[in-house]
C-alpha cells in the first residue's frame, strides 16, 4: 500500500463482466469504468484499415500497460 500512497497515478483495474448481455473485459480507472472490450472484439475490428488498427492499438495500450513504470521504461 505504501507504493500507492505516494503516487498520483490513477488506479487501473481489469475485470471480466457481462454488459448488455455480452461478456467482455471492463477497464476501470479510479473505480470508474472507462473502457469495455467485448469478447468478440476481433470480429468487430476485422474490416478496419491498417492505419485505424494502429491507432486503436495505441489507444488500447494506454489501458492495458501498467500505470506506473520504473526509470528504465518498464
N, C-alpha and C. Protein backbone atom coordinates (compact mmCIF):
# COMPACT_ATOMS: atom_id res chain seq x y z
N UNK A 1 0.80 -1.20 0.00
CA UNK A 1 0.00 0.00 0.00
C UNK A 1 0.84 1.26 0.00
N UNK A 2 2.02 1.19 0.57
CA UNK A 2 2.84 2.39 0.64
C UNK A 2 3.21 2.88 -0.76
N UNK A 3 3.30 1.97 -1.73
CA UNK A 3 3.60 2.38 -3.10
C UNK A 3 2.51 3.29 -3.64
N UNK A 4 1.25 2.93 -3.43
CA UNK A 4 0.14 3.71 -3.97
C UNK A 4 -0.06 5.03 -3.23
N UNK A 5 0.28 5.07 -1.95
CA UNK A 5 0.06 6.27 -1.16
C UNK A 5 0.87 7.45 -1.67
N UNK A 6 2.08 7.20 -2.19
CA UNK A 6 2.95 8.28 -2.61
C UNK A 6 2.80 8.67 -4.06
N UNK A 7 1.89 8.06 -4.79
CA UNK A 7 1.75 8.36 -6.21
C UNK A 7 0.41 9.03 -6.49
N UNK A 8 0.41 9.79 -7.57
CA UNK A 8 -0.85 10.38 -8.01
C UNK A 8 -1.35 9.68 -9.27
N UNK A 9 -0.73 8.54 -9.60
CA UNK A 9 -1.13 7.77 -10.77
C UNK A 9 -2.54 7.22 -10.57
N UNK A 10 -3.33 7.15 -11.63
CA UNK A 10 -4.67 6.56 -11.48
C UNK A 10 -4.57 5.06 -11.22
N UNK A 11 -5.52 4.54 -10.47
CA UNK A 11 -5.57 3.11 -10.19
C UNK A 11 -6.34 2.43 -11.32
N UNK A 12 -5.68 1.52 -12.04
CA UNK A 12 -6.28 0.83 -13.17
C UNK A 12 -6.62 -0.60 -12.75
N UNK A 13 -7.84 -1.02 -13.02
CA UNK A 13 -8.28 -2.38 -12.73
C UNK A 13 -8.93 -2.97 -13.97
N UNK A 14 -8.77 -4.28 -14.15
CA UNK A 14 -9.42 -5.02 -15.25
C UNK A 14 -10.31 -6.07 -14.62
N UNK A 15 -11.57 -6.13 -15.06
CA UNK A 15 -12.49 -7.14 -14.53
C UNK A 15 -13.33 -7.71 -15.66
N UNK A 16 -13.55 -9.02 -15.59
CA UNK A 16 -14.43 -9.67 -16.56
C UNK A 16 -15.86 -9.46 -16.11
N UNK A 17 -16.68 -8.94 -17.00
CA UNK A 17 -18.08 -8.67 -16.68
C UNK A 17 -18.93 -8.90 -17.91
N UNK A 18 -20.23 -8.95 -17.70
CA UNK A 18 -21.18 -9.05 -18.81
C UNK A 18 -21.94 -7.73 -18.87
N UNK A 19 -21.81 -7.03 -19.98
CA UNK A 19 -22.54 -5.78 -20.20
C UNK A 19 -23.44 -5.95 -21.40
N UNK A 20 -24.64 -5.49 -21.29
CA UNK A 20 -25.61 -5.57 -22.38
C UNK A 20 -25.75 -7.00 -22.90
N UNK A 21 -25.62 -7.98 -22.00
CA UNK A 21 -25.76 -9.38 -22.37
C UNK A 21 -24.55 -9.97 -23.07
N UNK A 22 -23.45 -9.23 -23.14
CA UNK A 22 -22.25 -9.70 -23.84
C UNK A 22 -21.07 -9.73 -22.88
N UNK A 23 -20.40 -10.88 -22.75
CA UNK A 23 -19.23 -10.95 -21.87
C UNK A 23 -18.05 -10.19 -22.45
N UNK A 24 -17.23 -9.65 -21.58
CA UNK A 24 -16.05 -8.93 -22.02
C UNK A 24 -15.21 -8.46 -20.85
N UNK A 25 -14.25 -7.62 -21.14
CA UNK A 25 -13.33 -7.07 -20.16
C UNK A 25 -13.67 -5.60 -19.94
N UNK A 26 -13.87 -5.23 -18.69
CA UNK A 26 -14.14 -3.83 -18.35
C UNK A 26 -12.90 -3.28 -17.67
N UNK A 27 -12.45 -2.13 -18.12
CA UNK A 27 -11.29 -1.48 -17.53
C UNK A 27 -11.78 -0.28 -16.73
N UNK A 28 -11.35 -0.26 -15.48
CA UNK A 28 -11.74 0.81 -14.57
C UNK A 28 -10.53 1.69 -14.26
N UNK A 29 -10.75 2.97 -14.17
CA UNK A 29 -9.72 3.91 -13.72
C UNK A 29 -10.28 4.62 -12.50
N UNK A 30 -9.60 4.49 -11.38
CA UNK A 30 -10.03 5.07 -10.12
C UNK A 30 -11.46 4.69 -9.78
N UNK A 31 -11.80 3.42 -10.02
CA UNK A 31 -13.11 2.89 -9.66
C UNK A 31 -14.23 3.20 -10.64
N UNK A 32 -13.94 3.91 -11.73
CA UNK A 32 -14.97 4.26 -12.71
C UNK A 32 -14.68 3.53 -14.02
N UNK A 33 -15.70 2.92 -14.64
CA UNK A 33 -15.46 2.23 -15.91
C UNK A 33 -15.10 3.22 -17.02
N UNK A 34 -14.02 2.91 -17.76
CA UNK A 34 -13.59 3.79 -18.84
C UNK A 34 -13.56 3.09 -20.20
N UNK A 35 -13.56 1.75 -20.20
CA UNK A 35 -13.48 1.03 -21.47
C UNK A 35 -14.05 -0.37 -21.28
N UNK A 36 -14.83 -0.80 -22.26
CA UNK A 36 -15.35 -2.16 -22.27
C UNK A 36 -14.93 -2.79 -23.58
N UNK A 37 -14.28 -3.95 -23.50
CA UNK A 37 -13.83 -4.68 -24.68
C UNK A 37 -14.58 -6.01 -24.71
N UNK A 38 -15.53 -6.17 -25.64
CA UNK A 38 -16.29 -7.42 -25.70
C UNK A 38 -15.41 -8.58 -26.15
N UNK A 39 -15.78 -9.79 -25.75
CA UNK A 39 -15.01 -10.98 -26.12
C UNK A 39 -14.91 -11.15 -27.63
N UNK A 40 -15.91 -10.72 -28.38
CA UNK A 40 -15.88 -10.87 -29.84
C UNK A 40 -15.28 -9.64 -30.53
N UNK A 41 -14.39 -8.97 -29.84
CA UNK A 41 -13.77 -7.74 -30.34
C UNK A 41 -13.10 -7.93 -31.70
N UNK A 42 -12.45 -9.07 -31.89
CA UNK A 42 -11.75 -9.33 -33.15
C UNK A 42 -12.67 -9.33 -34.35
N UNK A 43 -13.85 -9.89 -34.20
CA UNK A 43 -14.78 -9.92 -35.32
C UNK A 43 -15.30 -8.52 -35.64
N UNK A 44 -15.31 -7.66 -34.63
CA UNK A 44 -15.80 -6.30 -34.85
C UNK A 44 -14.75 -5.39 -35.48
N UNK A 45 -13.48 -5.76 -35.38
CA UNK A 45 -12.41 -4.92 -35.94
C UNK A 45 -11.81 -5.50 -37.20
N UNK A 46 -12.34 -6.59 -37.69
CA UNK A 46 -11.77 -7.31 -38.83
C UNK A 46 -11.61 -6.44 -40.08
N UNK A 47 -12.53 -5.54 -40.34
CA UNK A 47 -12.50 -4.77 -41.58
C UNK A 47 -11.84 -3.39 -41.44
N UNK A 48 -11.20 -3.12 -40.31
CA UNK A 48 -10.52 -1.83 -40.15
C UNK A 48 -9.25 -1.79 -40.98
N UNK A 49 -8.88 -0.60 -41.43
CA UNK A 49 -7.64 -0.44 -42.18
C UNK A 49 -6.45 -0.58 -41.24
N UNK A 50 -5.28 -0.79 -41.81
CA UNK A 50 -4.07 -0.93 -41.01
C UNK A 50 -3.83 0.32 -40.16
N UNK A 51 -4.04 1.48 -40.75
CA UNK A 51 -3.85 2.75 -40.03
C UNK A 51 -4.81 2.85 -38.85
N UNK A 52 -6.06 2.47 -39.06
CA UNK A 52 -7.05 2.50 -37.97
C UNK A 52 -6.70 1.49 -36.87
N UNK A 53 -6.20 0.32 -37.27
CA UNK A 53 -5.80 -0.68 -36.28
C UNK A 53 -4.63 -0.19 -35.44
N UNK A 54 -3.67 0.49 -36.08
CA UNK A 54 -2.54 1.05 -35.33
C UNK A 54 -3.01 2.09 -34.33
N UNK A 55 -3.93 2.96 -34.74
CA UNK A 55 -4.46 3.98 -33.84
C UNK A 55 -5.21 3.33 -32.68
N UNK A 56 -5.97 2.30 -32.97
CA UNK A 56 -6.70 1.59 -31.92
C UNK A 56 -5.74 0.91 -30.95
N UNK A 57 -4.70 0.29 -31.49
CA UNK A 57 -3.70 -0.37 -30.65
C UNK A 57 -3.03 0.63 -29.71
N UNK A 58 -2.69 1.79 -30.23
CA UNK A 58 -2.05 2.82 -29.42
C UNK A 58 -2.97 3.27 -28.29
N UNK A 59 -4.24 3.46 -28.60
CA UNK A 59 -5.21 3.89 -27.59
C UNK A 59 -5.43 2.81 -26.53
N UNK A 60 -5.57 1.56 -26.95
CA UNK A 60 -5.79 0.47 -26.00
C UNK A 60 -4.58 0.23 -25.11
N UNK A 61 -3.39 0.44 -25.65
CA UNK A 61 -2.16 0.23 -24.88
C UNK A 61 -2.16 1.09 -23.61
N UNK A 62 -2.76 2.27 -23.68
CA UNK A 62 -2.83 3.15 -22.51
C UNK A 62 -3.54 2.46 -21.35
N UNK A 63 -4.49 1.60 -21.64
CA UNK A 63 -5.28 0.96 -20.60
C UNK A 63 -4.71 -0.37 -20.14
N UNK A 64 -4.02 -1.08 -21.03
CA UNK A 64 -3.55 -2.41 -20.69
C UNK A 64 -2.15 -2.43 -20.12
N UNK A 65 -1.33 -1.42 -20.37
CA UNK A 65 0.01 -1.38 -19.81
C UNK A 65 -0.07 -0.95 -18.35
N UNK A 66 0.90 -1.38 -17.55
CA UNK A 66 0.90 -0.96 -16.15
C UNK A 66 0.88 0.57 -16.04
N UNK A 67 0.21 1.07 -15.00
CA UNK A 67 0.05 2.51 -14.87
C UNK A 67 1.32 3.21 -14.40
N UNK A 68 2.26 2.48 -13.84
CA UNK A 68 3.50 3.12 -13.40
C UNK A 68 4.67 2.35 -13.97
N UNK A 69 5.74 3.06 -14.23
CA UNK A 69 6.94 2.46 -14.80
C UNK A 69 8.14 2.91 -14.00
N UNK A 70 9.19 2.08 -14.03
CA UNK A 70 10.41 2.49 -13.36
C UNK A 70 11.23 3.34 -14.32
N UNK A 71 12.42 3.76 -13.89
CA UNK A 71 13.24 4.67 -14.70
C UNK A 71 13.71 4.06 -16.01
N UNK A 72 13.74 2.73 -16.11
CA UNK A 72 14.21 2.08 -17.33
C UNK A 72 13.14 2.02 -18.41
N UNK A 73 11.90 2.47 -18.09
CA UNK A 73 10.84 2.46 -19.08
C UNK A 73 10.03 1.19 -19.07
N UNK A 74 10.25 0.32 -18.10
CA UNK A 74 9.50 -0.94 -18.00
C UNK A 74 8.52 -0.89 -16.87
